[in-house]
N, C-alpha and C. Protein backbone atom coordinates (compact mmCIF):
# COMPACT_ATOMS: atom_id res chain seq x y z
N MET A 1 -12.84 -15.08 -4.49
CA MET A 1 -13.92 -14.14 -4.50
C MET A 1 -14.77 -14.39 -3.25
N VAL A 2 -15.02 -13.35 -2.49
CA VAL A 2 -15.88 -13.44 -1.31
C VAL A 2 -17.19 -12.75 -1.66
N PHE A 3 -18.30 -13.37 -1.29
CA PHE A 3 -19.60 -12.81 -1.67
C PHE A 3 -20.65 -13.23 -0.67
N GLY A 4 -21.82 -12.65 -0.81
CA GLY A 4 -22.96 -13.07 0.01
C GLY A 4 -23.20 -12.17 1.19
N ASN A 5 -24.21 -12.55 1.95
CA ASN A 5 -24.59 -11.82 3.15
C ASN A 5 -23.88 -12.42 4.35
N VAL A 6 -23.59 -11.59 5.32
CA VAL A 6 -22.97 -12.07 6.55
C VAL A 6 -23.97 -12.90 7.33
N VAL A 7 -23.56 -14.08 7.74
CA VAL A 7 -24.38 -14.95 8.57
C VAL A 7 -23.63 -15.13 9.88
N GLU A 8 -24.24 -14.71 10.97
CA GLU A 8 -23.58 -14.77 12.27
C GLU A 8 -23.11 -16.20 12.56
N GLY A 9 -21.86 -16.31 13.01
CA GLY A 9 -21.29 -17.59 13.36
C GLY A 9 -20.78 -18.39 12.17
N ARG A 10 -20.73 -17.75 11.01
CA ARG A 10 -20.31 -18.45 9.79
C ARG A 10 -19.38 -17.56 8.98
N ALA A 11 -18.30 -18.13 8.51
CA ALA A 11 -17.35 -17.37 7.68
C ALA A 11 -17.99 -17.08 6.32
N PRO A 12 -17.54 -16.01 5.63
CA PRO A 12 -18.07 -15.73 4.29
C PRO A 12 -17.79 -16.89 3.35
N ALA A 13 -18.68 -17.11 2.43
CA ALA A 13 -18.49 -18.16 1.42
C ALA A 13 -17.42 -17.72 0.43
N ARG A 14 -16.81 -18.72 -0.21
CA ARG A 14 -15.74 -18.45 -1.18
C ARG A 14 -15.97 -19.32 -2.41
N LEU A 15 -15.86 -18.71 -3.56
CA LEU A 15 -16.00 -19.41 -4.83
C LEU A 15 -14.66 -19.40 -5.54
N GLU A 16 -14.18 -20.58 -5.89
CA GLU A 16 -12.95 -20.71 -6.68
C GLU A 16 -13.36 -21.27 -8.04
N ALA A 17 -13.17 -20.47 -9.08
CA ALA A 17 -13.57 -20.89 -10.42
C ALA A 17 -12.80 -20.10 -11.46
N ASP A 18 -12.72 -20.67 -12.65
CA ASP A 18 -12.09 -19.94 -13.75
C ASP A 18 -13.08 -18.88 -14.25
N PRO A 19 -12.58 -17.85 -14.92
CA PRO A 19 -13.46 -16.76 -15.37
C PRO A 19 -14.63 -17.23 -16.23
N GLY A 20 -14.42 -18.20 -17.12
CA GLY A 20 -15.50 -18.68 -17.97
C GLY A 20 -16.64 -19.29 -17.18
N THR A 21 -16.31 -20.01 -16.11
CA THR A 21 -17.34 -20.62 -15.27
C THR A 21 -18.12 -19.55 -14.53
N VAL A 22 -17.44 -18.54 -14.04
CA VAL A 22 -18.14 -17.45 -13.34
C VAL A 22 -19.09 -16.74 -14.29
N ILE A 23 -18.66 -16.51 -15.51
CA ILE A 23 -19.53 -15.86 -16.50
C ILE A 23 -20.76 -16.73 -16.77
N ARG A 24 -20.58 -18.04 -16.91
CA ARG A 24 -21.72 -18.95 -17.12
C ARG A 24 -22.71 -18.81 -15.97
N MET A 25 -22.20 -18.77 -14.73
CA MET A 25 -23.07 -18.64 -13.56
C MET A 25 -23.84 -17.32 -13.60
N TYR A 26 -23.15 -16.22 -13.93
CA TYR A 26 -23.81 -14.92 -13.98
C TYR A 26 -24.84 -14.84 -15.09
N CYS A 27 -24.66 -15.61 -16.15
CA CYS A 27 -25.61 -15.61 -17.26
C CYS A 27 -26.76 -16.57 -17.03
N GLY A 28 -26.74 -17.30 -15.92
CA GLY A 28 -27.81 -18.24 -15.62
C GLY A 28 -27.68 -19.55 -16.35
N ARG A 29 -26.51 -19.82 -16.92
CA ARG A 29 -26.28 -21.07 -17.64
C ARG A 29 -25.71 -22.11 -16.68
N PRO A 30 -25.93 -23.39 -16.94
CA PRO A 30 -25.40 -24.41 -16.05
C PRO A 30 -23.88 -24.42 -16.06
N ALA A 31 -23.30 -24.67 -14.90
CA ALA A 31 -21.85 -24.74 -14.77
C ALA A 31 -21.46 -26.14 -14.31
N ASP A 32 -20.42 -26.67 -14.90
CA ASP A 32 -19.92 -28.00 -14.54
C ASP A 32 -19.34 -27.94 -13.13
N PRO A 33 -19.89 -28.71 -12.18
CA PRO A 33 -19.39 -28.69 -10.79
C PRO A 33 -17.91 -29.05 -10.68
N ALA A 34 -17.36 -29.72 -11.66
CA ALA A 34 -15.93 -30.06 -11.63
C ALA A 34 -15.06 -28.82 -11.90
N ARG A 35 -15.67 -27.74 -12.38
CA ARG A 35 -14.90 -26.54 -12.74
C ARG A 35 -14.94 -25.44 -11.69
N TYR A 36 -15.61 -25.70 -10.57
CA TYR A 36 -15.62 -24.71 -9.50
C TYR A 36 -15.64 -25.38 -8.14
N ARG A 37 -15.24 -24.63 -7.15
CA ARG A 37 -15.26 -25.10 -5.76
C ARG A 37 -15.93 -24.03 -4.93
N LEU A 38 -16.95 -24.42 -4.20
CA LEU A 38 -17.70 -23.51 -3.35
C LEU A 38 -17.43 -23.91 -1.90
N CYS A 39 -16.88 -23.00 -1.12
CA CYS A 39 -16.54 -23.26 0.28
C CYS A 39 -17.36 -22.35 1.18
N GLY A 40 -17.94 -22.92 2.22
CA GLY A 40 -18.70 -22.12 3.18
C GLY A 40 -20.15 -21.91 2.82
N ALA A 41 -20.62 -22.58 1.77
CA ALA A 41 -22.02 -22.49 1.35
C ALA A 41 -22.33 -23.74 0.54
N THR A 42 -23.60 -23.99 0.34
CA THR A 42 -24.00 -25.12 -0.50
C THR A 42 -24.36 -24.60 -1.89
N ASP A 43 -24.43 -25.51 -2.85
CA ASP A 43 -24.82 -25.10 -4.21
C ASP A 43 -26.21 -24.46 -4.21
N ARG A 44 -27.10 -24.93 -3.35
CA ARG A 44 -28.45 -24.35 -3.25
C ARG A 44 -28.41 -22.89 -2.79
N GLU A 45 -27.41 -22.55 -1.98
CA GLU A 45 -27.29 -21.18 -1.47
C GLU A 45 -26.64 -20.25 -2.47
N LEU A 46 -26.05 -20.79 -3.52
CA LEU A 46 -25.39 -19.98 -4.54
C LEU A 46 -26.44 -19.45 -5.49
N VAL A 47 -26.83 -18.22 -5.30
CA VAL A 47 -27.82 -17.56 -6.14
C VAL A 47 -27.19 -16.27 -6.63
N VAL A 48 -26.95 -16.20 -7.91
CA VAL A 48 -26.35 -15.00 -8.48
C VAL A 48 -27.43 -13.96 -8.68
N TYR A 49 -28.55 -14.35 -9.28
CA TYR A 49 -29.70 -13.46 -9.44
C TYR A 49 -30.91 -14.18 -8.88
N GLY A 50 -31.63 -13.54 -7.98
CA GLY A 50 -32.77 -14.23 -7.39
C GLY A 50 -34.06 -13.53 -7.61
């Protein structure tokens, strides 16, 4: 899944996760970091709803 805003000089971020983990993130519930991999961004930059 590719998401986010384009940042000049930086590739788009990529989230690798199972569907249940993505749903937890979208619902604002905590997600186990062992169940997802975020590439090209930090966990702090991962904001589903801001």
